[in-house]
Amino acid sequence: FFFLLLVIWATDIGGYAAGRSIGGPKLAPRFSPKKTWAGLVGGMIAAAGVGYAVASVDSAALPWVAALAGAVLAVVGQMGDLFESYMKRR
């Protein structure tokens, strides 16, 4: 549960930082006008880093699996956020 929370927080923070500093094309301007593709990639990188760090601290045998899981969860979290924004604007 805490792994999931940390990954989602990292996704939000990394996405915000990358989106603000890099900018670029919008991810879904009709639903969430401020989200960018750079933010999605930045969130994935941050979530993968947190996943790897948590697995390393926990002495996991394959921390890269946790990093991959973090990146995948970042995409799923962004999809959920876009769905929430879609419902809000609908």
PDB file of N, CA and C in Angstrom:
ATOM      1  N   PHE A   1       0.826  -1.189   0.000  1.00  0.00           N
ATOM      2  CA  PHE A   1       0.000   0.000   0.000  1.00  0.00           C
ATOM      3  C   PHE A   1       0.876   1.261   0.000  1.00  0.00           C
ATOM      4  N   PHE A   2       1.894   1.267   0.851  1.00  0.00           N
ATOM      5  CA  PHE A   2       2.775   2.436   0.903  1.00  0.00           C
ATOM      6  C   PHE A   2       3.590   2.581  -0.380  1.00  0.00           C
ATOM      7  N   PHE A   3       3.941   1.457  -0.987  1.00  0.00           N
ATOM      8  CA  PHE A   3       4.639   1.501  -2.269  1.00  0.00           C
ATOM      9  C   PHE A   3       3.777   2.216  -3.302  1.00  0.00           C
ATOM     10  N   LEU A   4       2.510   1.874  -3.345  1.00  0.00           N
ATOM     11  CA  LEU A   4       1.588   2.496  -4.290  1.00  0.00           C
ATOM     12  C   LEU A   4       1.459   3.994  -4.028  1.00  0.00           C
ATOM     13  N   LEU A   5       1.313   4.369  -2.768  1.00  0.00           N
ATOM     14  CA  LEU A   5       1.225   5.796  -2.430  1.00  0.00           C
ATOM     15  C   LEU A   5       2.487   6.545  -2.851  1.00  0.00           C
ATOM     16  N   LEU A   6       3.645   5.985  -2.544  1.00  0.00           N
ATOM     17  CA  LEU A   6       4.899   6.644  -2.901  1.00  0.00           C
ATOM     18  C   LEU A   6       5.046   6.796  -4.407  1.00  0.00           C
ATOM     19  N   VAL A   7       4.661   5.777  -5.141  1.00  0.00           N
ATOM     20  CA  VAL A   7       4.768   5.830  -6.603  1.00  0.00           C
ATOM     21  C   VAL A   7       3.830   6.893  -7.176  1.00  0.00           C
ATOM     22  N   ILE A   8       2.614   6.955  -6.680  1.00  0.00           N
ATOM     23  CA  ILE A   8       1.660   7.954  -7.193  1.00  0.00           C
ATOM     24  C   ILE A   8       2.108   9.363  -6.824  1.00  0.00           C
ATOM     25  N   TRP A   9       2.609   9.546  -5.610  1.00  0.00           N
ATOM     26  CA  TRP A   9       3.133  10.866  -5.228  1.00  0.00           C
ATOM     27  C   TRP A   9       4.302  11.254  -6.120  1.00  0.00           C
ATOM     28  N   ALA A  10       5.198  10.309  -6.369  1.00  0.00           N
ATOM     29  CA  ALA A  10       6.340  10.583  -7.240  1.00  0.00           C
ATOM     30  C   ALA A  10       5.884  10.914  -8.653  1.00  0.00           C
ATOM     31  N   THR A  11       4.851  10.236  -9.124  1.00  0.00           N
ATOM     32  CA  THR A  11       4.307  10.523 -10.452  1.00  0.00           C
ATOM     33  C   THR A  11       3.804  11.957 -10.523  1.00  0.00           C
ATOM     34  N   ASP A  12       3.042  12.369  -9.532  1.00  0.00           N
ATOM     35  CA  ASP A  12       2.506  13.734  -9.517  1.00  0.00           C
ATOM     36  C   ASP A  12       3.617  14.776  -9.439  1.00  0.00           C
ATOM     37  N   ILE A  13       4.572  14.555  -8.556  1.00  0.00           N
ATOM     38  CA  ILE A  13       5.659  15.524  -8.374  1.00  0.00           C
ATOM     39  C   ILE A  13       6.558  15.564  -9.607  1.00  0.00           C
ATOM     40  N   GLY A  14       6.947  14.402 -10.105  1.00  0.00           N
ATOM     41  CA  GLY A  14       7.794  14.348 -11.299  1.00  0.00           C
ATOM     42  C   GLY A  14       7.092  14.891 -12.523  1.00  0.00           C
ATOM     43  N   GLY A  15       5.806  14.595 -12.638  1.00  0.00           N
ATOM     44  CA  GLY A  15       5.034  15.110 -13.766  1.00  0.00           C
ATOM     45  C   GLY A  15       4.899  16.622 -13.726  1.00  0.00           C
ATOM     46  N   TYR A  16       4.663  17.150 -12.543  1.00  0.00           N
ATOM     47  CA  TYR A  16       4.547  18.607 -12.392  1.00  0.00           C
ATOM     48  C   TYR A  16       5.879  19.279 -12.734  1.00  0.00           C
ATOM     49  N   ALA A  17       6.969  18.748 -12.177  1.00  0.00           N
ATOM     50  CA  ALA A  17       8.282  19.355 -12.408  1.00  0.00           C
ATOM     51  C   ALA A  17       8.675  19.296 -13.882  1.00  0.00           C
ATOM     52  N   ALA A  18       8.493  18.151 -14.505  1.00  0.00           N
ATOM     53  CA  ALA A  18       8.862  18.019 -15.918  1.00  0.00           C
ATOM     54  C   ALA A  18       7.939  18.846 -16.809  1.00  0.00           C
ATOM     55  N   GLY A  19       6.661  18.822 -16.518  1.00  0.00           N
ATOM     56  CA  GLY A  19       5.711  19.580 -17.327  1.00  0.00           C
ATOM     57  C   GLY A  19       5.960  21.078 -17.267  1.00  0.00           C
ATOM     58  N   ARG A  20       6.281  21.570 -16.071  1.00  0.00           N
ATOM     59  CA  ARG A  20       6.538  23.009 -15.919  1.00  0.00           C
ATOM     60  C   ARG A  20       7.872  23.415 -16.526  1.00  0.00           C
ATOM     61  N   SER A  21       8.883  22.574 -16.381  1.00  0.00           N
ATOM     62  CA  SER A  21      10.212  22.967 -16.861  1.00  0.00           C
ATOM     63  C   SER A  21      10.407  22.694 -18.350  1.00  0.00           C
ATOM     64  N   ILE A  22       9.805  21.624 -18.877  1.00  0.00           N
ATOM     65  CA  ILE A  22       9.999  21.268 -20.285  1.00  0.00           C
ATOM     66  C   ILE A  22       8.839  21.758 -21.142  1.00  0.00           C
ATOM     67  N   GLY A  23       7.622  21.550 -20.653  1.00  0.00           N
ATOM     68  CA  GLY A  23       6.439  21.950 -21.427  1.00  0.00           C
ATOM     69  C   GLY A  23       6.209  20.999 -22.587  1.00  0.00           C
ATOM     70  N   GLY A  24       5.785  21.548 -23.703  1.00  0.00           N
ATOM     71  CA  GLY A  24       5.582  20.721 -24.887  1.00  0.00           C
ATOM     72  C   GLY A  24       4.120  20.481 -25.185  1.00  0.00           C
ATOM     73  N   PRO A  25       3.866  19.516 -26.056  1.00  0.00           N
ATOM     74  CA  PRO A  25       2.488  19.250 -26.466  1.00  0.00           C
ATOM     75  C   PRO A  25       1.638  18.727 -25.308  1.00  0.00           C
ATOM     76  N   LYS A  26       0.377  19.069 -25.361  1.00  0.00           N
ATOM     77  CA  LYS A  26      -0.566  18.670 -24.314  1.00  0.00           C
ATOM     78  C   LYS A  26      -0.938  17.200 -24.452  1.00  0.00           C
ATOM     79  N   LEU A  27      -1.173  16.566 -23.314  1.00  0.00           N
ATOM     80  CA  LEU A  27      -1.520  15.150 -23.281  1.00  0.00           C
ATOM     81  C   LEU A  27      -2.978  14.937 -23.681  1.00  0.00           C
ATOM     82  N   ALA A  28      -3.874  15.655 -23.061  1.00  0.00           N
ATOM     83  CA  ALA A  28      -5.313  15.556 -23.362  1.00  0.00           C
ATOM     84  C   ALA A  28      -5.943  16.919 -23.074  1.00  0.00           C
ATOM     85  N   PRO A  29      -5.791  17.866 -23.986  1.00  0.00           N
ATOM     86  CA  PRO A  29      -6.219  19.244 -23.707  1.00  0.00           C
ATOM     87  C   PRO A  29      -7.712  19.411 -23.434  1.00  0.00           C
ATOM     88  N   ARG A  30      -8.552  18.528 -23.964  1.00  0.00           N
ATOM     89  CA  ARG A  30      -9.997  18.649 -23.708  1.00  0.00           C
ATOM     90  C   ARG A  30     -10.357  18.296 -22.271  1.00  0.00           C
ATOM     91  N   PHE A  31      -9.608  17.386 -21.680  1.00  0.00           N
ATOM     92  CA  PHE A  31      -9.948  16.908 -20.341  1.00  0.00           C
ATOM     93  C   PHE A  31      -9.093  17.552 -19.259  1.00  0.00           C
ATOM     94  N   SER A  32      -7.812  17.703 -19.527  1.00  0.00           N
ATOM     95  CA  SER A  32      -6.889  18.247 -18.547  1.00  0.00           C
ATOM     96  C   SER A  32      -5.907  19.153 -19.291  1.00  0.00           C
ATOM     97  N   PRO A  33      -6.235  20.432 -19.412  1.00  0.00           N
ATOM     98  CA  PRO A  33      -5.485  21.319 -20.305  1.00  0.00           C
ATOM     99  C   PRO A  33      -4.037  21.593 -19.908  1.00  0.00           C
ATOM    100  N   LYS A  34      -3.629  21.280 -18.702  1.00  0.00           N
ATOM    101  CA  LYS A  34      -2.258  21.590 -18.292  1.00  0.00           C
ATOM    102  C   LYS A  34      -1.317  20.391 -18.324  1.00  0.00           C
ATOM    103  N   LYS A  35      -1.830  19.196 -18.545  1.00  0.00           N
ATOM    104  CA  LYS A  35      -0.968  18.006 -18.573  1.00  0.00           C
ATOM    105  C   LYS A  35      -0.269  17.901 -19.929  1.00  0.00           C
ATOM    106  N   THR A  36       1.043  17.615 -19.871  1.00  0.00           N
ATOM    107  CA  THR A  36       1.832  17.496 -21.096  1.00  0.00           C
ATOM    108  C   THR A  36       2.441  16.095 -21.193  1.00  0.00           C
ATOM    109  N   TRP A  37       2.907  15.778 -22.396  1.00  0.00           N
ATOM    110  CA  TRP A  37       3.593  14.506 -22.604  1.00  0.00           C
ATOM    111  C   TRP A  37       4.896  14.479 -21.814  1.00  0.00           C
ATOM    112  N   ALA A  38       5.558  15.622 -21.713  1.00  0.00           N
ATOM    113  CA  ALA A  38       6.785  15.690 -20.916  1.00  0.00           C
ATOM    114  C   ALA A  38       6.481  15.389 -19.451  1.00  0.00           C
ATOM    115  N   GLY A  39       5.336  15.853 -18.980  1.00  0.00           N
ATOM    116  CA  GLY A  39       4.940  15.557 -17.610  1.00  0.00           C
ATOM    117  C   GLY A  39       4.696  14.075 -17.392  1.00  0.00           C
ATOM    118  N   LEU A  40       4.095  13.429 -18.370  1.00  0.00           N
ATOM    119  CA  LEU A  40       3.864  11.986 -18.260  1.00  0.00           C
ATOM    120  C   LEU A  40       5.188  11.237 -18.183  1.00  0.00           C
ATOM    121  N   VAL A  41       6.123  11.577 -19.063  1.00  0.00           N
ATOM    122  CA  VAL A  41       7.428  10.908 -19.066  1.00  0.00           C
ATOM    123  C   VAL A  41       8.191  11.224 -17.774  1.00  0.00           C
ATOM    124  N   GLY A  42       8.132  12.481 -17.342  1.00  0.00           N
ATOM    125  CA  GLY A  42       8.787  12.849 -16.087  1.00  0.00           C
ATOM    126  C   GLY A  42       8.199  12.114 -14.898  1.00  0.00           C
ATOM    127  N   GLY A  43       6.889  11.958 -14.890  1.00  0.00           N
ATOM    128  CA  GLY A  43       6.236  11.200 -13.824  1.00  0.00           C
ATOM    129  C   GLY A  43       6.631   9.737 -13.847  1.00  0.00           C
ATOM    130  N   MET A  44       6.753   9.173 -15.045  1.00  0.00           N
ATOM    131  CA  MET A  44       7.174   7.772 -15.163  1.00  0.00           C
ATOM    132  C   MET A  44       8.603   7.587 -14.649  1.00  0.00           C
ATOM    133  N   ILE A  45       9.474   8.511 -14.991  1.00  0.00           N
ATOM    134  CA  ILE A  45      10.866   8.420 -14.534  1.00  0.00           C
ATOM    135  C   ILE A  45      10.941   8.552 -13.016  1.00  0.00           C
ATOM    136  N   ALA A  46      10.204   9.511 -12.463  1.00  0.00           N
ATOM    137  CA  ALA A  46      10.208   9.694 -11.009  1.00  0.00           C
ATOM    138  C   ALA A  46       9.639   8.467 -10.300  1.00  0.00           C
ATOM    139  N   ALA A  47       8.557   7.919 -10.832  1.00  0.00           N
ATOM    140  CA  ALA A  47       7.945   6.738 -10.215  1.00  0.00           C
ATOM    141  C   ALA A  47       8.868   5.531 -10.312  1.00  0.00           C
ATOM    142  N   ALA A  48       9.551   5.391 -11.440  1.00  0.00           N
ATOM    143  CA  ALA A  48      10.510   4.286 -11.586  1.00  0.00           C
ATOM    144  C   ALA A  48      11.664   4.452 -10.601  1.00  0.00           C
ATOM    145  N   GLY A  49      12.118   5.675 -10.423  1.00  0.00           N
ATOM    146  CA  GLY A  49      13.197   5.931  -9.462  1.00  0.00           C
ATOM    147  C   GLY A  49      12.783   5.612  -8.033  1.00  0.00           C
ATOM    148  N   VAL A  50      11.578   6.001  -7.668  1.00  0.00           N
ATOM    149  CA  VAL A  50      11.082   5.696  -6.329  1.00  0.00           C
ATOM    150  C   VAL A  50      10.898   4.190  -6.167  1.00  0.00           C
ATOM    151  N   GLY A  51      10.365   3.534  -7.185  1.00  0.00           N
ATOM    152  CA  GLY A  51      10.213   2.084  -7.123  1.00  0.00           C
ATOM    153  C   GLY A  51      11.544   1.384  -6.922  1.00  0.00           C
ATOM    154  N   TYR A  52      12.548   1.818  -7.665  1.00  0.00           N
ATOM    155  CA  TYR A  52      13.885   1.235  -7.534  1.00  0.00           C
ATOM    156  C   TYR A  52      14.457   1.504  -6.148  1.00  0.00           C
ATOM    157  N   ALA A  53      14.283   2.733  -5.662  1.00  0.00           N
ATOM    158  CA  ALA A  53      14.820   3.091  -4.346  1.00  0.00           C
ATOM    159  C   ALA A  53      14.159   2.283  -3.228  1.00  0.00           C
ATOM    160  N   VAL A  54      12.855   2.153  -3.288  1.00  0.00           N
ATOM    161  CA  VAL A  54      12.151   1.378  -2.266  1.00  0.00           C
ATOM    162  C   VAL A  54      12.599  -0.076  -2.287  1.00  0.00           C
ATOM    163  N   ALA A  55      12.741  -0.640  -3.477  1.00  0.00           N
ATOM    164  CA  ALA A  55      13.174  -2.030  -3.589  1.00  0.00           C
ATOM    165  C   ALA A  55      14.613  -2.195  -3.093  1.00  0.00           C
ATOM    166  N   SER A  56      15.460  -1.223  -3.365  1.00  0.00           N
ATOM    167  CA  SER A  56      16.847  -1.302  -2.911  1.00  0.00           C
ATOM    168  C   SER A  56      16.944  -1.200  -1.395  1.00  0.00           C
ATOM    169  N   VAL A  57      16.165  -0.300  -0.811  1.00  0.00           N
ATOM    170  CA  VAL A  57      16.162  -0.161   0.651  1.00  0.00           C
ATOM    171  C   VAL A  57      15.639  -1.435   1.301  1.00  0.00           C
ATOM    172  N   ASP A  58      14.682  -2.067   0.653  1.00  0.00           N
ATOM    173  CA  ASP A  58      14.089  -3.299   1.180  1.00  0.00           C
ATOM    174  C   ASP A  58      14.926  -4.534   0.825  1.00  0.00           C
ATOM    175  N   SER A  59      16.077  -4.333   0.179  1.00  0.00           N
ATOM    176  CA  SER A  59      16.983  -5.413  -0.228  1.00  0.00           C
ATOM    177  C   SER A  59      16.307  -6.436  -1.140  1.00  0.00           C
ATOM    178  N   ALA A  60      15.513  -5.950  -2.060  1.00  0.00           N
ATOM    179  CA  ALA A  60      14.854  -6.836  -3.026  1.00  0.00           C
ATOM    180  C   ALA A  60      15.900  -7.405  -3.984  1.00  0.00           C
ATOM    181  N   ALA A  61      15.656  -8.603  -4.449  1.00  0.00           N
ATOM    182  CA  ALA A  61      16.604  -9.261  -5.351  1.00  0.00           C
ATOM    183  C   ALA A  61      16.640  -8.597  -6.725  1.00  0.00           C
ATOM    184  N   LEU A  62      15.494  -8.104  -7.197  1.00  0.00           N
ATOM    185  CA  LEU A  62      15.404  -7.498  -8.529  1.00  0.00           C
ATOM    186  C   LEU A  62      14.764  -6.109  -8.438  1.00  0.00           C
ATOM    187  N   PRO A  63      15.531  -5.100  -8.066  1.00  0.00           N
ATOM    188  CA  PRO A  63      14.927  -3.764  -7.938  1.00  0.00           C
ATOM    189  C   PRO A  63      14.442  -3.183  -9.259  1.00  0.00           C
ATOM    190  N   TRP A  64      14.978  -3.674 -10.376  1.00  0.00           N
ATOM    191  CA  TRP A  64      14.518  -3.155 -11.670  1.00  0.00           C
ATOM    192  C   TRP A  64      13.070  -3.541 -11.935  1.00  0.00           C
ATOM    193  N   VAL A  65      12.599  -4.635 -11.333  1.00  0.00           N
ATOM    194  CA  VAL A  65      11.195  -5.025 -11.482  1.00  0.00           C
ATOM    195  C   VAL A  65      10.303  -3.997 -10.785  1.00  0.00           C
ATOM    196  N   ALA A  66      10.735  -3.540  -9.622  1.00  0.00           N
ATOM    197  CA  ALA A  66       9.981  -2.503  -8.911  1.00  0.00           C
ATOM    198  C   ALA A  66      10.008  -1.189  -9.681  1.00  0.00           C
ATOM    199  N   ALA A  67      11.124  -0.897 -10.342  1.00  0.00           N
ATOM    200  CA  ALA A  67      11.204   0.309 -11.167  1.00  0.00           C
ATOM    201  C   ALA A  67      10.238   0.212 -12.344  1.00  0.00           C
ATOM    202  N   LEU A  68      10.189  -0.936 -12.975  1.00  0.00           N
ATOM    203  CA  LEU A  68       9.254  -1.146 -14.082  1.00  0.00           C
ATOM    204  C   LEU A  68       7.809  -1.049 -13.592  1.00  0.00           C
ATOM    205  N   ALA A  69       7.534  -1.653 -12.442  1.00  0.00           N
ATOM    206  CA  ALA A  69       6.186  -1.571 -11.865  1.00  0.00           C
ATOM    207  C   ALA A  69       5.829  -0.122 -11.552  1.00  0.00           C
ATOM    208  N   GLY A  70       6.788   0.649 -11.058  1.00  0.00           N
ATOM    209  CA  GLY A  70       6.544   2.064 -10.788  1.00  0.00           C
ATOM    210  C   GLY A  70       6.183   2.838 -12.044  1.00  0.00           C
ATOM    211  N   ALA A  71       6.901   2.580 -13.127  1.00  0.00           N
ATOM    212  CA  ALA A  71       6.616   3.269 -14.394  1.00  0.00           C
ATOM    213  C   ALA A  71       5.245   2.892 -14.931  1.00  0.00           C
ATOM    214  N   VAL A  72       4.895   1.621 -14.841  1.00  0.00           N
ATOM    215  CA  VAL A  72       3.575   1.179 -15.309  1.00  0.00           C
ATOM    216  C   VAL A  72       2.471   1.778 -14.439  1.00  0.00           C
ATOM    217  N   LEU A  73       2.681   1.788 -13.132  1.00  0.00           N
ATOM    218  CA  LEU A  73       1.693   2.385 -12.234  1.00  0.00           C
ATOM    219  C   LEU A  73       1.547   3.885 -12.474  1.00  0.00           C
ATOM    220  N   ALA A  74       2.619   4.535 -12.901  1.00  0.00           N
ATOM    221  CA  ALA A  74       2.539   5.960 -13.224  1.00  0.00           C
ATOM    222  C   ALA A  74       1.586   6.191 -14.388  1.00  0.00           C
ATOM    223  N   VAL A  75       1.675   5.354 -15.397  1.00  0.00           N
ATOM    224  CA  VAL A  75       0.776   5.477 -16.554  1.00  0.00           C
ATOM    225  C   VAL A  75      -0.666   5.201 -16.131  1.00  0.00           C
ATOM    226  N   VAL A  76      -0.856   4.162 -15.327  1.00  0.00           N
ATOM    227  CA  VAL A  76      -2.205   3.837 -14.854  1.00  0.00           C
ATOM    228  C   VAL A  76      -2.759   4.971 -14.004  1.00  0.00           C
ATOM    229  N   GLY A  77      -1.915   5.545 -13.159  1.00  0.00           N
ATOM    230  CA  GLY A  77      -2.349   6.681 -12.336  1.00  0.00           C
ATOM    231  C   GLY A  77      -2.734   7.888 -13.175  1.00  0.00           C
ATOM    232  N   GLN A  78      -1.957   8.148 -14.233  1.00  0.00           N
ATOM    233  CA  GLN A  78      -2.288   9.263 -15.129  1.00  0.00           C
ATOM    234  C   GLN A  78      -3.602   9.012 -15.860  1.00  0.00           C
ATOM    235  N   MET A  79      -3.814   7.765 -16.258  1.00  0.00           N
ATOM    236  CA  MET A  79      -5.080   7.431 -16.919  1.00  0.00           C
ATOM    237  C   MET A  79      -6.257   7.667 -15.969  1.00  0.00           C
ATOM    238  N   GLY A  80      -6.094   7.282 -14.725  1.00  0.00           N
ATOM    239  CA  GLY A  80      -7.139   7.523 -13.729  1.00  0.00           C
ATOM    240  C   GLY A  80      -7.371   9.005 -13.508  1.00  0.00           C
ATOM    241  N   ASP A  81      -6.307   9.771 -13.491  1.00  0.00           N
ATOM    242  CA  ASP A  81      -6.429  11.215 -13.319  1.00  0.00           C
ATOM    243  C   ASP A  81      -7.127  11.853 -14.515  1.00  0.00           C
ATOM    244  N   LEU A  82      -6.808  11.395 -15.722  1.00  0.00           N
ATOM    245  CA  LEU A  82      -7.471  11.922 -16.913  1.00  0.00           C
ATOM    246  C   LEU A  82      -8.954  11.535 -16.933  1.00  0.00           C
ATOM    247  N   PHE A  83      -9.257  10.323 -16.493  1.00  0.00           N
ATOM    248  CA  PHE A  83     -10.660   9.907 -16.413  1.00  0.00           C
ATOM    249  C   PHE A  83     -11.428  10.762 -15.404  1.00  0.00           C
ATOM    250  N   GLU A  84     -10.792  11.044 -14.281  1.00  0.00           N
ATOM    251  CA  GLU A  84     -11.418  11.908 -13.274  1.00  0.00           C
ATOM    252  C   GLU A  84     -11.659  13.314 -13.838  1.00  0.00           C
ATOM    253  N   SER A  85     -10.693  13.838 -14.559  1.00  0.00           N
ATOM    254  CA  SER A  85     -10.857  15.151 -15.177  1.00  0.00           C
ATOM    255  C   SER A  85     -11.946  15.134 -16.230  1.00  0.00           C
ATOM    256  N   TYR A  86     -12.023  14.045 -16.986  1.00  0.00           N
ATOM    257  CA  TYR A  86     -13.092  13.900 -17.985  1.00  0.00           C
ATOM    258  C   TYR A  86     -14.468  13.926 -17.313  1.00  0.00           C
ATOM    259  N   MET A  87     -14.621  13.169 -16.246  1.00  0.00           N
ATOM    260  CA  MET A  87     -15.894  13.130 -15.529  1.00  0.00           C
ATOM    261  C   MET A  87     -16.232  14.486 -14.908  1.00  0.00           C
ATOM    262  N   LYS A  88     -15.234  15.172 -14.428  1.00  0.00           N
ATOM    263  CA  LYS A  88     -15.447  16.488 -13.825  1.00  0.00           C
ATOM    264  C   LYS A  88     -15.944  17.489 -14.867  1.00  0.00           C
ATOM    265  N   ARG A  89     -15.382  17.435 -16.062  1.00  0.00           N
ATOM    266  CA  ARG A  89     -15.762  18.390 -17.100  1.00  0.00           C
ATOM    267  C   ARG A  89     -17.020  17.991 -17.845  1.00  0.00           C
ATOM    268  N   ARG A  90     -17.456  16.797 -17.649  1.00  0.00           N
ATOM    269  CA  ARG A  90     -18.655  16.294 -18.300  1.00  0.00           C
ATOM    270  C   ARG A  90     -19.828  16.708 -17.515  1.00  0.00           C
TER     271      ARG A  90
END
